[in-house]
């Protein structure tokens, strides 16, 4: 696995034994971390970012001009706030868990300076729904100003601006409907959302899923529909050919 570890990775030994939150303990464990920039003499210019995503992957994706994407989960980490209170209700848990996963991922990527450090990086949240996206980006943008000092002043753009610049993508959920989809397009632009069917999972209405979304074009318009069904995903994944090319 050493070929996947950045040359700038450092290690810190954890106390041994290291007690785990849910019981048991780790012995002889060490924590990997990376640093960027130069620490000031007063040691007051450091920002700690905790993430399960590897900064090495971010750098590699940027170099290869590839995207970083998050796929939503329900019962796995990252758990959504208060999940223990409603975990016995799968409908509530699934609704909250999938959305929260996409929100958490974009919060880190957009407020942690990842898109500034890696200027070619594109980020996307998949199977997390899409109607929440405009609200979340506006809310994140507001919190940067409201909770001053929590986000680096060196951040070049707001979360909303990163999306408007074409750096953020989200796949749609058919069940959220055309009205919510149009509202997201009106607020963010027609370059953000991507068609997804969730096939072969039960939420798909195979074989009519694609035709159902194409049927929204009377509301969305021809250009926005074309981008939704193909062009946005092609740009996000940097596809160089079409499935039907000969």
C-alpha atoms as a PDB file:
ATOM      1  CA  UNK A   1       0.000   0.000   0.000  1.00  0.00           C
ATOM      2  CA  UNK A   2       2.993   2.326   0.254  1.00  0.00           C
ATOM      3  CA  UNK A   3       2.628   3.365  -3.398  1.00  0.00           C
ATOM      4  CA  UNK A   4      -0.669   5.055  -2.479  1.00  0.00           C
ATOM      5  CA  UNK A   5       0.794   7.111   0.385  1.00  0.00           C
ATOM      6  CA  UNK A   6       1.863  10.682  -0.335  1.00  0.00           C
ATOM      7  CA  UNK A   7       5.548  11.456   0.155  1.00  0.00           C
ATOM      8  CA  UNK A   8       4.434  14.309   2.415  1.00  0.00           C
ATOM      9  CA  UNK A   9       2.556  12.043   4.812  1.00  0.00           C
ATOM     10  CA  UNK A  10       3.652  12.170   8.454  1.00  0.00           C
ATOM     11  CA  UNK A  11       2.743   9.939  11.364  1.00  0.00           C
ATOM     12  CA  UNK A  12       1.939  10.434  15.037  1.00  0.00           C
ATOM     13  CA  UNK A  13       1.838   7.530  17.469  1.00  0.00           C
ATOM     14  CA  UNK A  14      -1.382   7.219  19.442  1.00  0.00           C
ATOM     15  CA  UNK A  15      -1.340   6.343  23.149  1.00  0.00           C
ATOM     16  CA  UNK A  16      -1.255   2.586  23.558  1.00  0.00           C
ATOM     17  CA  UNK A  17      -3.720   1.206  24.356  1.00  0.00           C
ATOM     18  CA  UNK A  18      -6.016   3.713  22.612  1.00  0.00           C
ATOM     19  CA  UNK A  19      -9.582   3.333  23.907  1.00  0.00           C
ATOM     20  CA  UNK A  20     -12.278   3.136  21.228  1.00  0.00           C
ATOM     21  CA  UNK A  21     -15.614   4.948  21.524  1.00  0.00           C
ATOM     22  CA  UNK A  22     -17.642   1.732  21.269  1.00  0.00           C
ATOM     23  CA  UNK A  23     -15.357  -0.354  23.429  1.00  0.00           C
ATOM     24  CA  UNK A  24     -12.141  -2.345  22.915  1.00  0.00           C
ATOM     25  CA  UNK A  25      -8.836  -0.630  22.190  1.00  0.00           C
ATOM     26  CA  UNK A  26      -6.085  -0.214  19.607  1.00  0.00           C
ATOM     27  CA  UNK A  27      -2.494  -1.184  20.397  1.00  0.00           C
ATOM     28  CA  UNK A  28       0.489   0.369  18.694  1.00  0.00           C
ATOM     29  CA  UNK A  29      -1.683   2.444  16.352  1.00  0.00           C
ATOM     30  CA  UNK A  30      -0.419   5.500  14.534  1.00  0.00           C
ATOM     31  CA  UNK A  31      -2.247   8.383  12.830  1.00  0.00           C
ATOM     32  CA  UNK A  32      -1.310   9.649   9.363  1.00  0.00           C
ATOM     33  CA  UNK A  33      -1.576  13.351   8.546  1.00  0.00           C
ATOM     34  CA  UNK A  34      -0.400  15.889   5.981  1.00  0.00           C
ATOM     35  CA  UNK A  35       0.407  19.581   6.262  1.00  0.00           C
ATOM     36  CA  UNK A  36       0.484  22.423   3.754  1.00  0.00           C
ATOM     37  CA  UNK A  37       2.064  25.832   4.058  1.00  0.00           C
ATOM     38  CA  UNK A  38       4.265  27.160   6.835  1.00  0.00           C
ATOM     39  CA  UNK A  39       3.342  27.363  10.493  1.00  0.00           C
ATOM     40  CA  UNK A  40       3.667  30.897  11.858  1.00  0.00           C
ATOM     41  CA  UNK A  41       5.926  31.705  14.800  1.00  0.00           C
ATOM     42  CA  UNK A  42       2.829  32.272  16.929  1.00  0.00           C
ATOM     43  CA  UNK A  43       1.430  28.903  15.739  1.00  0.00           C
ATOM     44  CA  UNK A  44      -1.927  30.568  15.091  1.00  0.00           C
ATOM     45  CA  UNK A  45      -2.424  29.968  11.361  1.00  0.00           C
ATOM     46  CA  UNK A  46      -3.217  26.229  11.448  1.00  0.00           C
ATOM     47  CA  UNK A  47      -6.617  24.789  10.559  1.00  0.00           C
ATOM     48  CA  UNK A  48      -7.334  21.191  11.531  1.00  0.00           C
ATOM     49  CA  UNK A  49      -9.402  19.293   8.970  1.00  0.00           C
ATOM     50  CA  UNK A  50     -10.651  15.826   9.921  1.00  0.00           C
ATOM     51  CA  UNK A  51     -11.725  13.696   6.982  1.00  0.00           C
ATOM     52  CA  UNK A  52     -12.081  10.089   5.989  1.00  0.00           C
ATOM     53  CA  UNK A  53     -11.076  11.118   2.459  1.00  0.00           C
ATOM     54  CA  UNK A  54      -7.418  11.007   1.548  1.00  0.00           C
ATOM     55  CA  UNK A  55      -5.725  14.288   0.598  1.00  0.00           C
ATOM     56  CA  UNK A  56      -3.457  12.149  -1.564  1.00  0.00           C
ATOM     57  CA  UNK A  57      -6.515  11.140  -3.585  1.00  0.00           C
ATOM     58  CA  UNK A  58      -7.443  14.797  -4.013  1.00  0.00           C
ATOM     59  CA  UNK A  59      -3.996  15.605  -5.350  1.00  0.00           C
ATOM     60  CA  UNK A  60      -3.962  12.591  -7.662  1.00  0.00           C
ATOM     61  CA  UNK A  61      -7.435  13.399  -9.002  1.00  0.00           C
ATOM     62  CA  UNK A  62      -6.424  16.993  -9.645  1.00  0.00           C
ATOM     63  CA  UNK A  63      -3.299  15.903 -11.499  1.00  0.00           C
ATOM     64  CA  UNK A  64      -5.257  13.425 -13.639  1.00  0.00           C
ATOM     65  CA  UNK A  65      -8.179  15.838 -14.132  1.00  0.00           C
ATOM     66  CA  UNK A  66     -10.583  13.362 -12.504  1.00  0.00           C
ATOM     67  CA  UNK A  67     -13.499  14.041 -10.136  1.00  0.00           C
ATOM     68  CA  UNK A  68     -13.977  13.074  -6.495  1.00  0.00           C
ATOM     69  CA  UNK A  69     -17.465  11.762  -5.781  1.00  0.00           C
ATOM     70  CA  UNK A  70     -19.415  10.750  -2.717  1.00  0.00           C
ATOM     71  CA  UNK A  71     -22.054   8.012  -2.824  1.00  0.00           C
ATOM     72  CA  UNK A  72     -24.722   8.249  -0.145  1.00  0.00           C
ATOM     73  CA  UNK A  73     -25.160   5.647   2.558  1.00  0.00           C
ATOM     74  CA  UNK A  74     -27.810   5.085   5.185  1.00  0.00           C
ATOM     75  CA  UNK A  75     -26.531   2.849   7.960  1.00  0.00           C
ATOM     76  CA  UNK A  76     -22.806   3.418   7.518  1.00  0.00           C
ATOM     77  CA  UNK A  77     -20.714   6.373   8.630  1.00  0.00           C
ATOM     78  CA  UNK A  78     -20.840   9.329   8.452  1.00  0.00           C
ATOM     79  CA  UNK A  79     -23.866   9.083  10.716  1.00  0.00           C
ATOM     80  CA  UNK A  80     -26.259  12.009  10.530  1.00  0.00           C
ATOM     81  CA  UNK A  81     -26.939  14.114  13.659  1.00  0.00           C
ATOM     82  CA  UNK A  82     -29.368  12.456  16.034  1.00  0.00           C
ATOM     83  CA  UNK A  83     -29.444   9.173  14.120  1.00  0.00           C
ATOM     84  CA  UNK A  84     -29.750   7.174  17.344  1.00  0.00           C
ATOM     85  CA  UNK A  85     -33.035   8.906  18.149  1.00  0.00           C
ATOM     86  CA  UNK A  86     -34.819   7.720  14.993  1.00  0.00           C
ATOM     87  CA  UNK A  87     -32.763   4.700  13.963  1.00  0.00           C
ATOM     88  CA  UNK A  88     -35.636   2.321  14.665  1.00  0.00           C
ATOM     89  CA  UNK A  89     -37.563   4.003  11.824  1.00  0.00           C
ATOM     90  CA  UNK A  90     -35.896   3.095   8.510  1.00  0.00           C
ATOM     91  CA  UNK A  91     -37.828   5.705   6.516  1.00  0.00           C
ATOM     92  CA  UNK A  92     -36.618   8.544   8.732  1.00  0.00           C
ATOM     93  CA  UNK A  93     -33.112   7.127   8.942  1.00  0.00           C
ATOM     94  CA  UNK A  94     -32.757   6.661   5.198  1.00  0.00           C
ATOM     95  CA  UNK A  95     -34.091  10.122   4.383  1.00  0.00           C
ATOM     96  CA  UNK A  96     -31.821  11.847   6.888  1.00  0.00           C
ATOM     97  CA  UNK A  97     -28.763   9.660   6.345  1.00  0.00           C
ATOM     98  CA  UNK A  98     -28.490   9.998   2.582  1.00  0.00           C
ATOM     99  CA  UNK A  99     -28.999  13.758   2.557  1.00  0.00           C
ATOM    100  CA  UNK A 100     -26.657  14.380   5.475  1.00  0.00           C
ATOM    101  CA  UNK A 101     -23.884  12.387   3.823  1.00  0.00           C
ATOM    102  CA  UNK A 102     -23.953  14.584   0.719  1.00  0.00           C
ATOM    103  CA  UNK A 103     -24.169  17.751   2.801  1.00  0.00           C
ATOM    104  CA  UNK A 104     -21.234  16.737   4.989  1.00  0.00           C
ATOM    105  CA  UNK A 105     -19.063  15.852   1.995  1.00  0.00           C
ATOM    106  CA  UNK A 106     -19.704  19.145   0.215  1.00  0.00           C
ATOM    107  CA  UNK A 107     -19.244  21.118   3.428  1.00  0.00           C
ATOM    108  CA  UNK A 108     -15.722  19.772   3.843  1.00  0.00           C
ATOM    109  CA  UNK A 109     -14.743  20.089   0.197  1.00  0.00           C
ATOM    110  CA  UNK A 110     -16.114  23.609  -0.274  1.00  0.00           C
ATOM    111  CA  UNK A 111     -15.198  25.155   3.080  1.00  0.00           C
ATOM    112  CA  UNK A 112     -11.905  23.346   3.605  1.00  0.00           C
ATOM    113  CA  UNK A 113     -10.150  24.972   0.662  1.00  0.00           C
ATOM    114  CA  UNK A 114      -9.878  21.788  -1.416  1.00  0.00           C
ATOM    115  CA  UNK A 115     -11.061  23.453  -4.617  1.00  0.00           C
ATOM    116  CA  UNK A 116      -8.546  26.274  -4.193  1.00  0.00           C
ATOM    117  CA  UNK A 117      -5.648  23.920  -3.520  1.00  0.00           C
ATOM    118  CA  UNK A 118      -6.625  21.693  -6.450  1.00  0.00           C
ATOM    119  CA  UNK A 119      -7.906  23.977  -9.227  1.00  0.00           C
ATOM    120  CA  UNK A 120      -8.915  21.180 -11.621  1.00  0.00           C
ATOM    121  CA  UNK A 121     -10.780  19.141  -9.029  1.00  0.00           C
ATOM    122  CA  UNK A 122     -14.518  18.583  -9.479  1.00  0.00           C
ATOM    123  CA  UNK A 123     -16.694  17.173  -6.694  1.00  0.00           C
ATOM    124  CA  UNK A 124     -20.030  15.403  -6.824  1.00  0.00           C
ATOM    125  CA  UNK A 125     -22.607  13.857  -4.476  1.00  0.00           C
ATOM    126  CA  UNK A 126     -24.460  10.837  -5.848  1.00  0.00           C
ATOM    127  CA  UNK A 127     -27.764   9.296  -4.768  1.00  0.00           C
ATOM    128  CA  UNK A 128     -28.204  11.863  -2.017  1.00  0.00           C
ATOM    129  CA  UNK A 129     -31.157  13.692  -3.535  1.00  0.00           C
ATOM    130  CA  UNK A 130     -30.783  17.121  -5.097  1.00  0.00           C
ATOM    131  CA  UNK A 131     -33.499  19.471  -3.859  1.00  0.00           C
ATOM    132  CA  UNK A 132     -31.475  20.298  -0.746  1.00  0.00           C
ATOM    133  CA  UNK A 133     -28.473  21.581  -2.701  1.00  0.00           C
ATOM    134  CA  UNK A 134     -29.416  25.275  -3.223  1.00  0.00           C
ATOM    135  CA  UNK A 135     -30.520  25.625   0.401  1.00  0.00           C
ATOM    136  CA  UNK A 136     -27.333  23.987   1.687  1.00  0.00           C
ATOM    137  CA  UNK A 137     -24.986  26.092  -0.426  1.00  0.00           C
ATOM    138  CA  UNK A 138     -26.731  29.308   0.587  1.00  0.00           C
ATOM    139  CA  UNK A 139     -26.673  28.260   4.235  1.00  0.00           C
ATOM    140  CA  UNK A 140     -22.962  27.327   4.128  1.00  0.00           C
ATOM    141  CA  UNK A 141     -22.193  30.666   2.499  1.00  0.00           C
ATOM    142  CA  UNK A 142     -24.061  32.493   5.243  1.00  0.00           C
ATOM    143  CA  UNK A 143     -22.298  30.606   8.041  1.00  0.00           C
ATOM    144  CA  UNK A 144     -18.860  31.648   6.794  1.00  0.00           C
ATOM    145  CA  UNK A 145     -19.760  35.251   7.526  1.00  0.00           C
ATOM    146  CA  UNK A 146     -21.902  34.568  10.590  1.00  0.00           C
ATOM    147  CA  UNK A 147     -19.432  32.283  12.406  1.00  0.00           C
ATOM    148  CA  UNK A 148     -16.337  34.313  11.693  1.00  0.00           C
ATOM    149  CA  UNK A 149     -13.001  32.636  12.199  1.00  0.00           C
ATOM    150  CA  UNK A 150     -14.290  29.125  11.598  1.00  0.00           C
ATOM    151  CA  UNK A 151     -13.293  29.117   7.921  1.00  0.00           C
ATOM    152  CA  UNK A 152      -9.974  30.331   6.548  1.00  0.00           C
ATOM    153  CA  UNK A 153     -10.121  33.925   5.254  1.00  0.00           C
ATOM    154  CA  UNK A 154      -7.951  32.701   2.378  1.00  0.00           C
ATOM    155  CA  UNK A 155     -10.927  30.829   0.888  1.00  0.00           C
ATOM    156  CA  UNK A 156     -11.222  32.314  -2.598  1.00  0.00           C
ATOM    157  CA  UNK A 157     -14.934  31.719  -3.212  1.00  0.00           C
ATOM    158  CA  UNK A 158     -18.129  30.928  -1.342  1.00  0.00           C
ATOM    159  CA  UNK A 159     -19.726  27.458  -1.576  1.00  0.00           C
ATOM    160  CA  UNK A 160     -22.454  28.939  -3.770  1.00  0.00           C
ATOM    161  CA  UNK A 161     -19.877  30.454  -6.116  1.00  0.00           C
ATOM    162  CA  UNK A 162     -17.985  27.170  -6.473  1.00  0.00           C
ATOM    163  CA  UNK A 163     -21.214  25.537  -7.682  1.00  0.00           C
ATOM    164  CA  UNK A 164     -21.957  28.383 -10.069  1.00  0.00           C
ATOM    165  CA  UNK A 165     -18.405  28.062 -11.428  1.00  0.00           C
ATOM    166  CA  UNK A 166     -19.028  24.456 -12.489  1.00  0.00           C
ATOM    167  CA  UNK A 167     -16.999  22.691  -9.792  1.00  0.00           C
ATOM    168  CA  UNK A 168     -19.946  20.993  -8.026  1.00  0.00           C
ATOM    169  CA  UNK A 169     -22.247  18.263  -9.363  1.00  0.00           C
ATOM    170  CA  UNK A 170     -25.152  16.315  -7.847  1.00  0.00           C
ATOM    171  CA  UNK A 171     -27.211  13.463  -9.279  1.00  0.00           C
ATOM    172  CA  UNK A 172     -30.987  13.811  -9.243  1.00  0.00           C
ATOM    173  CA  UNK A 173     -33.641  11.735  -7.510  1.00  0.00           C
ATOM    174  CA  UNK A 174     -36.702  11.184  -9.711  1.00  0.00           C
ATOM    175  CA  UNK A 175     -39.032  11.193  -6.726  1.00  0.00           C
ATOM    176  CA  UNK A 176     -38.193  14.832  -5.960  1.00  0.00           C
ATOM    177  CA  UNK A 177     -39.963  15.843  -9.149  1.00  0.00           C
ATOM    178  CA  UNK A 178     -39.721  18.420 -11.868  1.00  0.00           C
ATOM    179  CA  UNK A 179     -40.701  21.468  -9.801  1.00  0.00           C
ATOM    180  CA  UNK A 180     -37.866  20.990  -7.301  1.00  0.00           C
ATOM    181  CA  UNK A 181     -35.456  20.203 -10.125  1.00  0.00           C
ATOM    182  CA  UNK A 182     -36.379  23.399 -11.972  1.00  0.00           C
ATOM    183  CA  UNK A 183     -35.987  25.417  -8.774  1.00  0.00           C
ATOM    184  CA  UNK A 184     -32.460  24.052  -8.288  1.00  0.00           C
ATOM    185  CA  UNK A 185     -31.580  24.841 -11.912  1.00  0.00           C
ATOM    186  CA  UNK A 186     -33.008  28.353 -11.624  1.00  0.00           C
ATOM    187  CA  UNK A 187     -30.939  29.031  -8.498  1.00  0.00           C
ATOM    188  CA  UNK A 188     -27.662  27.327  -9.438  1.00  0.00           C
ATOM    189  CA  UNK A 189     -27.646  27.096 -13.233  1.00  0.00           C
ATOM    190  CA  UNK A 190     -28.244  24.212 -15.613  1.00  0.00           C
ATOM    191  CA  UNK A 191     -24.679  22.845 -15.354  1.00  0.00           C
ATOM    192  CA  UNK A 192     -24.903  21.191 -11.902  1.00  0.00           C
ATOM    193  CA  UNK A 193     -27.472  18.368 -11.924  1.00  0.00           C
ATOM    194  CA  UNK A 194     -26.951  14.937 -13.519  1.00  0.00           C
ATOM    195  CA  UNK A 195     -29.469  12.251 -14.432  1.00  0.00           C
ATOM    196  CA  UNK A 196     -29.363   9.044 -12.359  1.00  0.00           C
ATOM    197  CA  UNK A 197     -31.780   6.121 -12.297  1.00  0.00           C
ATOM    198  CA  UNK A 198     -30.550   4.122  -9.256  1.00  0.00           C
ATOM    199  CA  UNK A 199     -30.890   0.982 -11.418  1.00  0.00           C
ATOM    200  CA  UNK A 200     -31.233  -1.855 -10.414  1.00  0.00           C
ATOM    201  CA  UNK A 201     -32.397  -0.723  -6.983  1.00  0.00           C
ATOM    202  CA  UNK A 202     -36.141  -0.561  -6.264  1.00  0.00           C
ATOM    203  CA  UNK A 203     -36.330   3.234  -6.624  1.00  0.00           C
ATOM    204  CA  UNK A 204     -35.837   2.976 -10.393  1.00  0.00           C
ATOM    205  CA  UNK A 205     -38.895   2.655 -12.613  1.00  0.00           C
ATOM    206  CA  UNK A 206     -37.074   0.619 -15.249  1.00  0.00           C
ATOM    207  CA  UNK A 207     -37.424   0.731 -18.215  1.00  0.00           C
ATOM    208  CA  UNK A 208     -39.270   4.066 -18.107  1.00  0.00           C
ATOM    209  CA  UNK A 209     -36.967   6.042 -15.798  1.00  0.00           C
ATOM    210  CA  UNK A 210     -35.025   7.958 -18.459  1.00  0.00           C
ATOM    211  CA  UNK A 211     -38.134   8.701 -20.524  1.00  0.00           C
ATOM    212  CA  UNK A 212     -39.882  10.041 -17.433  1.00  0.00           C
ATOM    213  CA  UNK A 213     -37.136  12.599 -16.796  1.00  0.00           C
ATOM    214  CA  UNK A 214     -36.858  13.487 -20.495  1.00  0.00           C
ATOM    215  CA  UNK A 215     -40.574  14.244 -20.266  1.00  0.00           C
ATOM    216  CA  UNK A 216     -39.715  17.142 -17.955  1.00  0.00           C
ATOM    217  CA  UNK A 217     -38.228  19.087 -20.877  1.00  0.00           C
ATOM    218  CA  UNK A 218     -41.420  21.067 -21.399  1.00  0.00           C
ATOM    219  CA  UNK A 219     -40.784  22.597 -17.977  1.00  0.00           C
ATOM    220  CA  UNK A 220     -36.975  22.585 -17.906  1.00  0.00           C
ATOM    221  CA  UNK A 221     -36.387  23.496 -21.555  1.00  0.00           C
ATOM    222  CA  UNK A 222     -34.479  21.619 -24.229  1.00  0.00           C
ATOM    223  CA  UNK A 223     -30.998  22.886 -23.345  1.00  0.00           C
ATOM    224  CA  UNK A 224     -31.315  22.233 -19.594  1.00  0.00           C
ATOM    225  CA  UNK A 225     -32.725  18.765 -20.287  1.00  0.00           C
ATOM    226  CA  UNK A 226     -29.847  17.906 -22.621  1.00  0.00           C
ATOM    227  CA  UNK A 227     -27.331  18.975 -19.991  1.00  0.00           C
ATOM    228  CA  UNK A 228     -29.181  17.074 -17.277  1.00  0.00           C
ATOM    229  CA  UNK A 229     -29.382  13.852 -19.264  1.00  0.00           C
ATOM    230  CA  UNK A 230     -25.833  13.790 -20.662  1.00  0.00           C
ATOM    231  CA  UNK A 231     -23.613  16.837 -20.924  1.00  0.00           C
ATOM    232  CA  UNK A 232     -23.157  17.535 -17.200  1.00  0.00           C
ATOM    233  CA  UNK A 233     -22.207  13.948 -16.403  1.00  0.00           C
ATOM    234  CA  UNK A 234     -19.884  13.890 -19.406  1.00  0.00           C
ATOM    235  CA  UNK A 235     -18.129  17.006 -18.159  1.00  0.00           C
ATOM    236  CA  UNK A 236     -18.006  15.771 -14.555  1.00  0.00           C
ATOM    237  CA  UNK A 237     -16.474  12.419 -15.534  1.00  0.00           C
ATOM    238  CA  UNK A 238     -14.457  13.918 -18.421  1.00  0.00           C
ATOM    239  CA  UNK A 239     -15.789  11.357 -20.858  1.00  0.00           C
ATOM    240  CA  UNK A 240     -14.146  11.398 -24.255  1.00  0.00           C
ATOM    241  CA  UNK A 241     -16.647   9.212 -26.112  1.00  0.00           C
ATOM    242  CA  UNK A 242     -20.312   8.309 -26.054  1.00  0.00           C
ATOM    243  CA  UNK A 243     -21.706   4.810 -25.372  1.00  0.00           C
ATOM    244  CA  UNK A 244     -23.126   4.710 -28.896  1.00  0.00           C
ATOM    245  CA  UNK A 245     -19.975   5.846 -30.720  1.00  0.00           C
ATOM    246  CA  UNK A 246     -18.845   3.560 -33.542  1.00  0.00           C
END
